[in-house]
Every structure is written in C-alpha cells, then in structure tokens.
Amino acid sequence: MKHLVCLLAVLAPTATFAADRTFECVPNGSKLPELTARLVKFDGQDKGQITVDGADIEAAVYGSLGGFNFLHIGSGYTYSYDVNIEAGTVKYSASGSKNGFGNGTCTETSG
C-alpha cells in the first residue's frame, strides 16, 4: 500500500499535463450562429467536439498550418472550423443545408 501511494504521488503530477485543448470562438461581424462556437480537441486523439447553441457535435480534428481543423460531416451538410492558434483566428465554412462561411477570433481557454 505504501508503494502504491508513492507511485500515485509520482504519476499524479504528470497526469495533470495531459489535457484537452479548448477554444472559444466568436464572429467578426457575421450573423451566423455557428461562428459562436466552443471547439474542443480531445487530448491524444484525432477527435473533438463542436458546441453551437448548446448542442454538442462530434468532430474529426486534423492538424493544420498553425493550428487545428475541426470537421463535422452531418446528414446533408458539413461544418469546418480552421483555427490558427498563433493568430487567434478561425475560418468557418459549411456546405449543404447549412451553407455559409465567415471568420472570427478564437481564444484558447483552460477548459
């Protein structure tokens, strides 16, 4: 038992470094509600979540130049958010029944 406590004490600090990456995004003058979004990249995975108007949507997450691309392929539409972490920007595009595009700013938050 004593060894288990010591092991947990050693491993616990390293576990706190692993975390999801969360971005709060807002539009630059666009009226599209999809541009006000919370984007989460799950730690160590190529998956994530897009939250728009309180709805959580699964997303594939790919590395992109300077950040991440969040992609959701729905029934008859797609959402794509390209986040540039260094510039603090997002480019949004949608096709199909949710057709639209715009840009905004994103801030990485602690979760």
PDB file of N, CA and C in Angstrom:
ATOM      1  N   MET A   1       0.821  -1.185   0.000  1.00  0.00           N
ATOM      2  CA  MET A   1       0.000   0.000   0.000  1.00  0.00           C
ATOM      3  C   MET A   1       0.869   1.255   0.000  1.00  0.00           C
ATOM      4  N   LYS A   2       1.943   1.209   0.780  1.00  0.00           N
ATOM      5  CA  LYS A   2       2.850   2.345   0.846  1.00  0.00           C
ATOM      6  C   LYS A   2       3.451   2.628  -0.539  1.00  0.00           C
ATOM      7  N   HIS A   3       3.775   1.570  -1.291  1.00  0.00           N
ATOM      8  CA  HIS A   3       4.342   1.744  -2.626  1.00  0.00           C
ATOM      9  C   HIS A   3       3.316   2.325  -3.587  1.00  0.00           C
ATOM     10  N   LEU A   4       2.064   1.941  -3.425  1.00  0.00           N
ATOM     11  CA  LEU A   4       1.009   2.464  -4.282  1.00  0.00           C
ATOM     12  C   LEU A   4       0.840   3.961  -4.078  1.00  0.00           C
ATOM     13  N   VAL A   5       0.870   4.409  -2.845  1.00  0.00           N
ATOM     14  CA  VAL A   5       0.750   5.828  -2.539  1.00  0.00           C
ATOM     15  C   VAL A   5       1.921   6.599  -3.147  1.00  0.00           C
ATOM     16  N   CYS A   6       3.124   6.048  -3.037  1.00  0.00           N
ATOM     17  CA  CYS A   6       4.307   6.695  -3.614  1.00  0.00           C
ATOM     18  C   CYS A   6       4.202   6.762  -5.136  1.00  0.00           C
ATOM     19  N   LEU A   7       3.724   5.682  -5.744  1.00  0.00           N
ATOM     20  CA  LEU A   7       3.564   5.644  -7.189  1.00  0.00           C
ATOM     21  C   LEU A   7       2.548   6.685  -7.646  1.00  0.00           C
ATOM     22  N   LEU A   8       1.445   6.799  -6.947  1.00  0.00           N
ATOM     23  CA  LEU A   8       0.437   7.802  -7.286  1.00  0.00           C
ATOM     24  C   LEU A   8       0.980   9.221  -7.132  1.00  0.00           C
ATOM     25  N   ALA A   9       1.786   9.430  -6.116  1.00  0.00           N
ATOM     26  CA  ALA A   9       2.372  10.747  -5.896  1.00  0.00           C
ATOM     27  C   ALA A   9       3.314  11.131  -7.034  1.00  0.00           C
ATOM     28  N   VAL A  10       3.993  10.134  -7.598  1.00  0.00           N
ATOM     29  CA  VAL A  10       4.910  10.390  -8.704  1.00  0.00           C
ATOM     30  C   VAL A  10       4.145  10.599 -10.007  1.00  0.00           C
ATOM     31  N   LEU A  11       3.120   9.798 -10.252  1.00  0.00           N
ATOM     32  CA  LEU A  11       2.385   9.860 -11.507  1.00  0.00           C
ATOM     33  C   LEU A  11       1.366  10.995 -11.573  1.00  0.00           C
ATOM     34  N   ALA A  12       0.811  11.404 -10.476  1.00  0.00           N
ATOM     35  CA  ALA A  12      -0.237  12.427 -10.468  1.00  0.00           C
ATOM     36  C   ALA A  12       0.200  13.730 -11.120  1.00  0.00           C
ATOM     37  N   PRO A  13       1.396  14.250 -10.831  1.00  0.00           N
ATOM     38  CA  PRO A  13       1.781  15.496 -11.491  1.00  0.00           C
ATOM     39  C   PRO A  13       1.891  15.362 -13.006  1.00  0.00           C
ATOM     40  N   THR A  14       2.317  14.225 -13.522  1.00  0.00           N
ATOM     41  CA  THR A  14       2.426  14.063 -14.970  1.00  0.00           C
ATOM     42  C   THR A  14       1.054  13.954 -15.610  1.00  0.00           C
ATOM     43  N   ALA A  15       0.089  13.444 -14.890  1.00  0.00           N
ATOM     44  CA  ALA A  15      -1.255  13.302 -15.446  1.00  0.00           C
ATOM     45  C   ALA A  15      -1.915  14.662 -15.639  1.00  0.00           C
ATOM     46  N   THR A  16      -1.538  15.647 -14.860  1.00  0.00           N
ATOM     47  CA  THR A  16      -2.170  16.950 -14.982  1.00  0.00           C
ATOM     48  C   THR A  16      -1.721  17.701 -16.231  1.00  0.00           C
ATOM     49  N   PHE A  17      -0.609  17.303 -16.843  1.00  0.00           N
ATOM     50  CA  PHE A  17      -0.152  17.975 -18.051  1.00  0.00           C
ATOM     51  C   PHE A  17      -0.984  17.596 -19.271  1.00  0.00           C
ATOM     52  N   ALA A  18      -1.548  16.402 -19.266  1.00  0.00           N
ATOM     53  CA  ALA A  18      -2.368  15.960 -20.389  1.00  0.00           C
ATOM     54  C   ALA A  18      -3.760  16.570 -20.253  1.00  0.00           C
ATOM     55  N   ALA A  19      -4.179  17.281 -21.296  1.00  0.00           N
ATOM     56  CA  ALA A  19      -5.486  17.932 -21.213  1.00  0.00           C
ATOM     57  C   ALA A  19      -6.025  18.185 -22.614  1.00  0.00           C
ATOM     58  N   ASP A  20      -7.336  18.285 -22.677  1.00  0.00           N
ATOM     59  CA  ASP A  20      -7.982  18.671 -23.918  1.00  0.00           C
ATOM     60  C   ASP A  20      -7.611  20.117 -24.234  1.00  0.00           C
ATOM     61  N   ARG A  21      -7.656  20.477 -25.502  1.00  0.00           N
ATOM     62  CA  ARG A  21      -7.444  21.855 -25.928  1.00  0.00           C
ATOM     63  C   ARG A  21      -8.806  22.446 -26.241  1.00  0.00           C
ATOM     64  N   THR A  22      -9.127  23.576 -25.639  1.00  0.00           N
ATOM     65  CA  THR A  22     -10.443  24.191 -25.791  1.00  0.00           C
ATOM     66  C   THR A  22     -10.293  25.604 -26.349  1.00  0.00           C
ATOM     67  N   PHE A  23     -11.139  25.921 -27.344  1.00  0.00           N
ATOM     68  CA  PHE A  23     -11.113  27.227 -27.990  1.00  0.00           C
ATOM     69  C   PHE A  23     -12.515  27.819 -27.972  1.00  0.00           C
ATOM     70  N   GLU A  24     -12.616  29.063 -27.527  1.00  0.00           N
ATOM     71  CA  GLU A  24     -13.872  29.808 -27.559  1.00  0.00           C
ATOM     72  C   GLU A  24     -13.790  30.756 -28.750  1.00  0.00           C
ATOM     73  N   CYS A  25     -14.716  30.601 -29.686  1.00  0.00           N
ATOM     74  CA  CYS A  25     -14.663  31.371 -30.924  1.00  0.00           C
ATOM     75  C   CYS A  25     -15.878  32.282 -31.057  1.00  0.00           C
ATOM     76  N   VAL A  26     -15.643  33.485 -31.559  1.00  0.00           N
ATOM     77  CA  VAL A  26     -16.715  34.455 -31.791  1.00  0.00           C
ATOM     78  C   VAL A  26     -16.524  35.065 -33.182  1.00  0.00           C
ATOM     79  N   PRO A  27     -17.628  35.470 -33.829  1.00  0.00           N
ATOM     80  CA  PRO A  27     -17.534  36.001 -35.193  1.00  0.00           C
ATOM     81  C   PRO A  27     -17.011  37.430 -35.242  1.00  0.00           C
ATOM     82  N   ASN A  28     -16.511  37.778 -36.421  1.00  0.00           N
ATOM     83  CA  ASN A  28     -16.147  39.170 -36.731  1.00  0.00           C
ATOM     84  C   ASN A  28     -17.246  39.726 -37.619  1.00  0.00           C
ATOM     85  N   GLY A  29     -18.319  40.211 -37.047  1.00  0.00           N
ATOM     86  CA  GLY A  29     -19.380  40.848 -37.806  1.00  0.00           C
ATOM     87  C   GLY A  29     -20.370  39.919 -38.485  1.00  0.00           C
ATOM     88  N   SER A  30     -20.173  38.630 -38.425  1.00  0.00           N
ATOM     89  CA  SER A  30     -21.081  37.686 -39.081  1.00  0.00           C
ATOM     90  C   SER A  30     -22.280  37.400 -38.184  1.00  0.00           C
ATOM     91  N   LYS A  31     -23.425  37.185 -38.798  1.00  0.00           N
ATOM     92  CA  LYS A  31     -24.644  36.850 -38.054  1.00  0.00           C
ATOM     93  C   LYS A  31     -24.835  35.339 -37.931  1.00  0.00           C
ATOM     94  N   LEU A  32     -23.923  34.535 -38.496  1.00  0.00           N
ATOM     95  CA  LEU A  32     -24.059  33.081 -38.438  1.00  0.00           C
ATOM     96  C   LEU A  32     -23.908  32.586 -37.000  1.00  0.00           C
ATOM     97  N   PRO A  33     -24.910  31.900 -36.462  1.00  0.00           N
ATOM     98  CA  PRO A  33     -24.799  31.406 -35.087  1.00  0.00           C
ATOM     99  C   PRO A  33     -23.701  30.357 -34.933  1.00  0.00           C
ATOM    100  N   GLU A  34     -23.344  29.659 -36.013  1.00  0.00           N
ATOM    101  CA  GLU A  34     -22.314  28.622 -35.933  1.00  0.00           C
ATOM    102  C   GLU A  34     -20.924  29.186 -35.664  1.00  0.00           C
ATOM    103  N   LEU A  35     -20.739  30.489 -35.860  1.00  0.00           N
ATOM    104  CA  LEU A  35     -19.435  31.091 -35.598  1.00  0.00           C
ATOM    105  C   LEU A  35     -19.206  31.389 -34.121  1.00  0.00           C
ATOM    106  N   THR A  36     -20.243  31.377 -33.332  1.00  0.00           N
ATOM    107  CA  THR A  36     -20.075  31.457 -31.887  1.00  0.00           C
ATOM    108  C   THR A  36     -20.050  30.012 -31.412  1.00  0.00           C
ATOM    109  N   ALA A  37     -18.828  29.498 -31.255  1.00  0.00           N
ATOM    110  CA  ALA A  37     -18.668  28.069 -31.014  1.00  0.00           C
ATOM    111  C   ALA A  37     -17.583  27.797 -29.988  1.00  0.00           C
ATOM    112  N   ARG A  38     -17.731  26.678 -29.332  1.00  0.00           N
ATOM    113  CA  ARG A  38     -16.694  26.146 -28.443  1.00  0.00           C
ATOM    114  C   ARG A  38     -16.146  24.905 -29.126  1.00  0.00           C
ATOM    115  N   LEU A  39     -14.846  24.895 -29.373  1.00  0.00           N
ATOM    116  CA  LEU A  39     -14.198  23.784 -30.052  1.00  0.00           C
ATOM    117  C   LEU A  39     -13.251  23.095 -29.079  1.00  0.00           C
ATOM    118  N   VAL A  40     -13.366  21.773 -28.973  1.00  0.00           N
ATOM    119  CA  VAL A  40     -12.531  21.017 -28.054  1.00  0.00           C
ATOM    120  C   VAL A  40     -11.825  19.907 -28.811  1.00  0.00           C
ATOM    121  N   LYS A  41     -10.497  19.876 -28.716  1.00  0.00           N
ATOM    122  CA  LYS A  41      -9.724  18.765 -29.257  1.00  0.00           C
ATOM    123  C   LYS A  41      -9.391  17.854 -28.090  1.00  0.00           C
ATOM    124  N   PHE A  42      -9.826  16.599 -28.173  1.00  0.00           N
ATOM    125  CA  PHE A  42      -9.567  15.648 -27.107  1.00  0.00           C
ATOM    126  C   PHE A  42      -8.082  15.281 -27.103  1.00  0.00           C
ATOM    127  N   ASP A  43      -7.476  15.271 -25.926  1.00  0.00           N
ATOM    128  CA  ASP A  43      -6.053  15.018 -25.772  1.00  0.00           C
ATOM    129  C   ASP A  43      -5.656  13.659 -26.349  1.00  0.00           C
ATOM    130  N   GLY A  44      -4.616  13.676 -27.180  1.00  0.00           N
ATOM    131  CA  GLY A  44      -4.071  12.443 -27.721  1.00  0.00           C
ATOM    132  C   GLY A  44      -4.944  11.757 -28.757  1.00  0.00           C
ATOM    133  N   GLN A  45      -5.955  12.428 -29.253  1.00  0.00           N
ATOM    134  CA  GLN A  45      -6.871  11.833 -30.217  1.00  0.00           C
ATOM    135  C   GLN A  45      -7.037  12.747 -31.421  1.00  0.00           C
ATOM    136  N   ASP A  46      -7.544  12.172 -32.501  1.00  0.00           N
ATOM    137  CA  ASP A  46      -7.876  12.978 -33.673  1.00  0.00           C
ATOM    138  C   ASP A  46      -9.378  13.250 -33.700  1.00  0.00           C
ATOM    139  N   LYS A  47      -9.941  13.368 -32.506  1.00  0.00           N
ATOM    140  CA  LYS A  47     -11.375  13.619 -32.335  1.00  0.00           C
ATOM    141  C   LYS A  47     -11.572  14.836 -31.450  1.00  0.00           C
ATOM    142  N   GLY A  48     -12.779  15.372 -31.527  1.00  0.00           N
ATOM    143  CA  GLY A  48     -13.104  16.503 -30.691  1.00  0.00           C
ATOM    144  C   GLY A  48     -14.589  16.765 -30.686  1.00  0.00           C
ATOM    145  N   GLN A  49     -14.937  17.978 -30.280  1.00  0.00           N
ATOM    146  CA  GLN A  49     -16.338  18.342 -30.142  1.00  0.00           C
ATOM    147  C   GLN A  49     -16.526  19.803 -30.532  1.00  0.00           C
ATOM    148  N   ILE A  50     -17.607  20.062 -31.222  1.00  0.00           N
ATOM    149  CA  ILE A  50     -18.025  21.413 -31.561  1.00  0.00           C
ATOM    150  C   ILE A  50     -19.309  21.672 -30.789  1.00  0.00           C
ATOM    151  N   THR A  51     -19.376  22.768 -30.047  1.00  0.00           N
ATOM    152  CA  THR A  51     -20.595  23.129 -29.327  1.00  0.00           C
ATOM    153  C   THR A  51     -21.118  24.437 -29.909  1.00  0.00           C
ATOM    154  N   VAL A  52     -22.340  24.369 -30.450  1.00  0.00           N
ATOM    155  CA  VAL A  52     -23.005  25.532 -31.037  1.00  0.00           C
ATOM    156  C   VAL A  52     -24.424  25.573 -30.494  1.00  0.00           C
ATOM    157  N   ASP A  53     -24.847  26.714 -29.974  1.00  0.00           N
ATOM    158  CA  ASP A  53     -26.195  26.876 -29.416  1.00  0.00           C
ATOM    159  C   ASP A  53     -26.553  25.775 -28.417  1.00  0.00           C
ATOM    160  N   GLY A  54     -25.580  25.363 -27.598  1.00  0.00           N
ATOM    161  CA  GLY A  54     -25.820  24.346 -26.583  1.00  0.00           C
ATOM    162  C   GLY A  54     -25.833  22.921 -27.091  1.00  0.00           C
ATOM    163  N   ALA A  55     -25.671  22.713 -28.383  1.00  0.00           N
ATOM    164  CA  ALA A  55     -25.651  21.367 -28.962  1.00  0.00           C
ATOM    165  C   ALA A  55     -24.208  20.909 -29.149  1.00  0.00           C
ATOM    166  N   ASP A  56     -23.890  19.713 -28.647  1.00  0.00           N
ATOM    167  CA  ASP A  56     -22.565  19.127 -28.809  1.00  0.00           C
ATOM    168  C   ASP A  56     -22.545  18.251 -30.049  1.00  0.00           C
ATOM    169  N   ILE A  57     -21.570  18.495 -30.919  1.00  0.00           N
ATOM    170  CA  ILE A  57     -21.458  17.794 -32.189  1.00  0.00           C
ATOM    171  C   ILE A  57     -20.074  17.151 -32.262  1.00  0.00           C
ATOM    172  N   GLU A  58     -20.009  15.866 -32.599  1.00  0.00           N
ATOM    173  CA  GLU A  58     -18.731  15.184 -32.755  1.00  0.00           C
ATOM    174  C   GLU A  58     -17.971  15.752 -33.946  1.00  0.00           C
ATOM    175  N   ALA A  59     -16.634  15.767 -33.837  1.00  0.00           N
ATOM    176  CA  ALA A  59     -15.814  16.290 -34.920  1.00  0.00           C
ATOM    177  C   ALA A  59     -14.538  15.480 -35.061  1.00  0.00           C
ATOM    178  N   ALA A  60     -14.063  15.380 -36.281  1.00  0.00           N
ATOM    179  CA  ALA A  60     -12.711  14.891 -36.536  1.00  0.00           C
ATOM    180  C   ALA A  60     -11.805  16.111 -36.448  1.00  0.00           C
ATOM    181  N   VAL A  61     -10.611  15.942 -35.882  1.00  0.00           N
ATOM    182  CA  VAL A  61      -9.700  17.073 -35.715  1.00  0.00           C
ATOM    183  C   VAL A  61      -8.373  16.730 -36.384  1.00  0.00           C
ATOM    184  N   TYR A  62      -7.945  17.618 -37.270  1.00  0.00           N
ATOM    185  CA  TYR A  62      -6.708  17.434 -38.010  1.00  0.00           C
ATOM    186  C   TYR A  62      -5.772  18.595 -37.727  1.00  0.00           C
ATOM    187  N   GLY A  63      -4.484  18.318 -37.718  1.00  0.00           N
ATOM    188  CA  GLY A  63      -3.510  19.391 -37.605  1.00  0.00           C
ATOM    189  C   GLY A  63      -3.542  20.225 -38.868  1.00  0.00           C
ATOM    190  N   SER A  64      -3.384  21.524 -38.731  1.00  0.00           N
ATOM    191  CA  SER A  64      -3.329  22.407 -39.890  1.00  0.00           C
ATOM    192  C   SER A  64      -2.198  23.396 -39.660  1.00  0.00           C
ATOM    193  N   LEU A  65      -1.914  24.189 -40.657  1.00  0.00           N
ATOM    194  CA  LEU A  65      -0.833  25.154 -40.551  1.00  0.00           C
ATOM    195  C   LEU A  65      -1.139  26.140 -39.424  1.00  0.00           C
ATOM    196  N   GLY A  66      -0.428  26.029 -38.322  1.00  0.00           N
ATOM    197  CA  GLY A  66      -0.610  26.941 -37.203  1.00  0.00           C
ATOM    198  C   GLY A  66      -1.725  26.579 -36.248  1.00  0.00           C
ATOM    199  N   GLY A  67      -2.366  25.414 -36.426  1.00  0.00           N
ATOM    200  CA  GLY A  67      -3.451  25.072 -35.507  1.00  0.00           C
ATOM    201  C   GLY A  67      -4.135  23.769 -35.822  1.00  0.00           C
ATOM    202  N   PHE A  68      -5.465  23.815 -35.815  1.00  0.00           N
ATOM    203  CA  PHE A  68      -6.284  22.620 -35.998  1.00  0.00           C
ATOM    204  C   PHE A  68      -7.457  22.910 -36.925  1.00  0.00           C
ATOM    205  N   ASN A  69      -7.905  21.865 -37.608  1.00  0.00           N
ATOM    206  CA  ASN A  69      -9.133  21.935 -38.384  1.00  0.00           C
ATOM    207  C   ASN A  69     -10.125  20.975 -37.756  1.00  0.00           C
ATOM    208  N   PHE A  70     -11.292  21.491 -37.388  1.00  0.00           N
ATOM    209  CA  PHE A  70     -12.384  20.705 -36.822  1.00  0.00           C
ATOM    210  C   PHE A  70     -13.389  20.464 -37.937  1.00  0.00           C
ATOM    211  N   LEU A  71     -13.686  19.204 -38.225  1.00  0.00           N
ATOM    212  CA  LEU A  71     -14.564  18.858 -39.331  1.00  0.00           C
ATOM    213  C   LEU A  71     -15.683  17.946 -38.851  1.00  0.00           C
ATOM    214  N   HIS A  72     -16.904  18.343 -39.161  1.00  0.00           N
ATOM    215  CA  HIS A  72     -18.079  17.510 -38.868  1.00  0.00           C
ATOM    216  C   HIS A  72     -18.830  17.285 -40.173  1.00  0.00           C
ATOM    217  N   ILE A  73     -19.056  16.017 -40.495  1.00  0.00           N
ATOM    218  CA  ILE A  73     -19.840  15.672 -41.675  1.00  0.00           C
ATOM    219  C   ILE A  73     -21.176  15.136 -41.183  1.00  0.00           C
ATOM    220  N   GLY A  74     -22.215  15.927 -41.389  1.00  0.00           N
ATOM    221  CA  GLY A  74     -23.552  15.562 -40.938  1.00  0.00           C
ATOM    222  C   GLY A  74     -24.380  15.002 -42.076  1.00  0.00           C
ATOM    223  N   SER A  75     -25.638  14.830 -41.823  1.00  0.00           N
ATOM    224  CA  SER A  75     -26.563  14.325 -42.830  1.00  0.00           C
ATOM    225  C   SER A  75     -26.986  15.485 -43.734  1.00  0.00           C
ATOM    226  N   GLY A  76     -26.345  15.598 -44.883  1.00  0.00           N
ATOM    227  CA  GLY A  76     -26.676  16.658 -45.831  1.00  0.00           C
ATOM    228  C   GLY A  76     -25.929  17.959 -45.634  1.00  0.00           C
ATOM    229  N   TYR A  77     -24.920  17.992 -44.750  1.00  0.00           N
ATOM    230  CA  TYR A  77     -24.158  19.222 -44.536  1.00  0.00           C
ATOM    231  C   TYR A  77     -22.790  18.901 -43.932  1.00  0.00           C
ATOM    232  N   THR A  78     -21.886  19.866 -43.987  1.00  0.00           N
ATOM    233  CA  THR A  78     -20.599  19.767 -43.297  1.00  0.00           C
ATOM    234  C   THR A  78     -20.308  21.081 -42.580  1.00  0.00           C
ATOM    235  N   TYR A  79     -19.600  20.990 -41.466  1.00  0.00           N
ATOM    236  CA  TYR A  79     -19.052  22.151 -40.755  1.00  0.00           C
ATOM    237  C   TYR A  79     -17.536  22.012 -40.794  1.00  0.00           C
ATOM    238  N   SER A  80     -16.835  23.105 -41.028  1.00  0.00           N
ATOM    239  CA  SER A  80     -15.382  23.114 -40.963  1.00  0.00           C
ATOM    240  C   SER A  80     -14.924  24.388 -40.265  1.00  0.00           C
ATOM    241  N   TYR A  81     -14.125  24.213 -39.221  1.00  0.00           N
ATOM    242  CA  TYR A  81     -13.549  25.331 -38.481  1.00  0.00           C
ATOM    243  C   TYR A  81     -12.034  25.185 -38.552  1.00  0.00           C
ATOM    244  N   ASP A  82     -11.346  26.159 -39.126  1.00  0.00           N
ATOM    245  CA  ASP A  82      -9.899  26.133 -39.210  1.00  0.00           C
ATOM    246  C   ASP A  82      -9.353  27.159 -38.224  1.00  0.00           C
ATOM    247  N   VAL A  83      -8.807  26.666 -37.120  1.00  0.00           N
ATOM    248  CA  VAL A  83      -8.317  27.521 -36.040  1.00  0.00           C
ATOM    249  C   VAL A  83      -6.814  27.743 -36.204  1.00  0.00           C
ATOM    250  N   ASN A  84      -6.407  28.999 -36.261  1.00  0.00           N
ATOM    251  CA  ASN A  84      -4.996  29.354 -36.267  1.00  0.00           C
ATOM    252  C   ASN A  84      -4.665  29.833 -34.861  1.00  0.00           C
ATOM    253  N   ILE A  85      -3.962  29.002 -34.115  1.00  0.00           N
ATOM    254  CA  ILE A  85      -3.675  29.297 -32.710  1.00  0.00           C
ATOM    255  C   ILE A  85      -2.779  30.521 -32.571  1.00  0.00           C
ATOM    256  N   GLU A  86      -1.761  30.615 -33.428  1.00  0.00           N
ATOM    257  CA  GLU A  86      -0.807  31.723 -33.330  1.00  0.00           C
ATOM    258  C   GLU A  86      -1.472  33.066 -33.589  1.00  0.00           C
ATOM    259  N   ALA A  87      -2.362  33.122 -34.578  1.00  0.00           N
ATOM    260  CA  ALA A  87      -3.034  34.382 -34.924  1.00  0.00           C
ATOM    261  C   ALA A  87      -4.294  34.621 -34.095  1.00  0.00           C
ATOM    262  N   GLY A  88      -4.812  33.568 -33.455  1.00  0.00           N
ATOM    263  CA  GLY A  88      -6.043  33.706 -32.676  1.00  0.00           C
ATOM    264  C   GLY A  88      -7.273  33.881 -33.546  1.00  0.00           C
ATOM    265  N   THR A  89      -7.265  33.227 -34.718  1.00  0.00           N
ATOM    266  CA  THR A  89      -8.369  33.390 -35.662  1.00  0.00           C
ATOM    267  C   THR A  89      -9.020  32.046 -35.995  1.00  0.00           C
ATOM    268  N   VAL A  90     -10.215  32.139 -36.561  1.00  0.00           N
ATOM    269  CA  VAL A  90     -10.916  30.961 -37.061  1.00  0.00           C
ATOM    270  C   VAL A  90     -11.554  31.321 -38.399  1.00  0.00           C
ATOM    271  N   LYS A  91     -11.494  30.369 -39.326  1.00  0.00           N
ATOM    272  CA  LYS A  91     -12.212  30.486 -40.598  1.00  0.00           C
ATOM    273  C   LYS A  91     -13.237  29.368 -40.602  1.00  0.00           C
ATOM    274  N   TYR A  92     -14.480  29.737 -40.835  1.00  0.00           N
ATOM    275  CA  TYR A  92     -15.590  28.800 -40.801  1.00  0.00           C
ATOM    276  C   TYR A  92     -16.173  28.653 -42.193  1.00  0.00           C
ATOM    277  N   SER A  93     -16.501  27.414 -42.544  1.00  0.00           N
ATOM    278  CA  SER A  93     -17.255  27.186 -43.773  1.00  0.00           C
ATOM    279  C   SER A  93     -18.183  26.005 -43.554  1.00  0.00           C
ATOM    280  N   ALA A  94     -19.321  26.056 -44.228  1.00  0.00           N
ATOM    281  CA  ALA A  94     -20.304  24.979 -44.162  1.00  0.00           C
ATOM    282  C   ALA A  94     -20.863  24.780 -45.558  1.00  0.00           C
ATOM    283  N   SER A  95     -21.260  23.553 -45.827  1.00  0.00           N
ATOM    284  CA  SER A  95     -21.835  23.266 -47.139  1.00  0.00           C
ATOM    285  C   SER A  95     -23.149  22.525 -46.951  1.00  0.00           C
ATOM    286  N   GLY A  96     -23.836  22.314 -48.049  1.00  0.00           N
ATOM    287  CA  GLY A  96     -25.118  21.617 -47.997  1.00  0.00           C
ATOM    288  C   GLY A  96     -26.197  22.487 -47.387  1.00  0.00           C
ATOM    289  N   SER A  97     -27.038  21.878 -46.560  1.00  0.00           N
ATOM    290  CA  SER A  97     -28.172  22.600 -45.981  1.00  0.00           C
ATOM    291  C   SER A  97     -27.757  23.685 -44.985  1.00  0.00           C
ATOM    292  N   LYS A  98     -26.511  23.679 -44.515  1.00  0.00           N
ATOM    293  CA  LYS A  98     -26.007  24.679 -43.561  1.00  0.00           C
ATOM    294  C   LYS A  98     -25.050  25.653 -44.242  1.00  0.00           C
ATOM    295  N   ASN A  99     -25.173  25.833 -45.541  1.00  0.00           N
ATOM    296  CA  ASN A  99     -24.250  26.607 -46.349  1.00  0.00           C
ATOM    297  C   ASN A  99     -23.942  27.970 -45.742  1.00  0.00           C
ATOM    298  N   GLY A 100     -22.649  28.301 -45.667  1.00  0.00           N
ATOM    299  CA  GLY A 100     -22.227  29.600 -45.163  1.00  0.00           C
ATOM    300  C   GLY A 100     -20.737  29.633 -44.924  1.00  0.00           C
ATOM    301  N   PHE A 101     -20.214  30.840 -44.706  1.00  0.00           N
ATOM    302  CA  PHE A 101     -18.796  30.989 -44.389  1.00  0.00           C
ATOM    303  C   PHE A 101     -18.601  32.292 -43.635  1.00  0.00           C
ATOM    304  N   GLY A 102     -17.497  32.356 -42.939  1.00  0.00           N
ATOM    305  CA  GLY A 102     -17.168  33.563 -42.197  1.00  0.00           C
ATOM    306  C   GLY A 102     -15.869  33.387 -41.455  1.00  0.00           C
ATOM    307  N   ASN A 103     -15.503  34.405 -40.689  1.00  0.00           N
ATOM    308  CA  ASN A 103     -14.292  34.312 -39.889  1.00  0.00           C
ATOM    309  C   ASN A 103     -14.521  34.990 -38.555  1.00  0.00           C
ATOM    310  N   GLY A 104     -13.613  34.730 -37.648  1.00  0.00           N
ATOM    311  CA  GLY A 104     -13.738  35.285 -36.316  1.00  0.00           C
ATOM    312  C   GLY A 104     -12.445  35.139 -35.543  1.00  0.00           C
ATOM    313  N   THR A 105     -12.549  35.300 -34.248  1.00  0.00           N
ATOM    314  CA  THR A 105     -11.406  35.145 -33.379  1.00  0.00           C
ATOM    315  C   THR A 105     -11.633  33.982 -32.427  1.00  0.00           C
ATOM    316  N   CYS A 106     -10.551  33.357 -32.015  1.00  0.00           N
ATOM    317  CA  CYS A 106     -10.613  32.240 -31.063  1.00  0.00           C
ATOM    318  C   CYS A 106      -9.600  32.468 -29.957  1.00  0.00           C
ATOM    319  N   THR A 107     -10.007  32.134 -28.760  1.00  0.00           N
ATOM    320  CA  THR A 107      -9.135  32.217 -27.606  1.00  0.00           C
ATOM    321  C   THR A 107      -9.054  30.843 -26.976  1.00  0.00           C
ATOM    322  N   GLU A 108      -7.836  30.374 -26.739  1.00  0.00           N
ATOM    323  CA  GLU A 108      -7.689  29.086 -26.064  1.00  0.00           C
ATOM    324  C   GLU A 108      -7.942  29.291 -24.578  1.00  0.00           C
ATOM    325  N   THR A 109      -8.790  28.448 -24.026  1.00  0.00           N
ATOM    326  CA  THR A 109      -9.129  28.538 -22.607  1.00  0.00           C
ATOM    327  C   THR A 109      -8.622  27.294 -21.896  1.00  0.00           C
ATOM    328  N   SER A 110      -8.726  27.302 -20.602  1.00  0.00           N
ATOM    329  CA  SER A 110      -8.236  26.162 -19.810  1.00  0.00           C
ATOM    330  C   SER A 110      -9.283  25.077 -19.658  1.00  0.00           C
ATOM    331  N   GLY A 111     -10.377  25.149 -20.382  1.00  0.00           N
ATOM    332  CA  GLY A 111     -11.341  24.054 -20.325  1.00  0.00           C
ATOM    333  C   GLY A 111     -12.645  24.523 -19.927  1.00  0.00           C
TER     334      GLY A 111
END
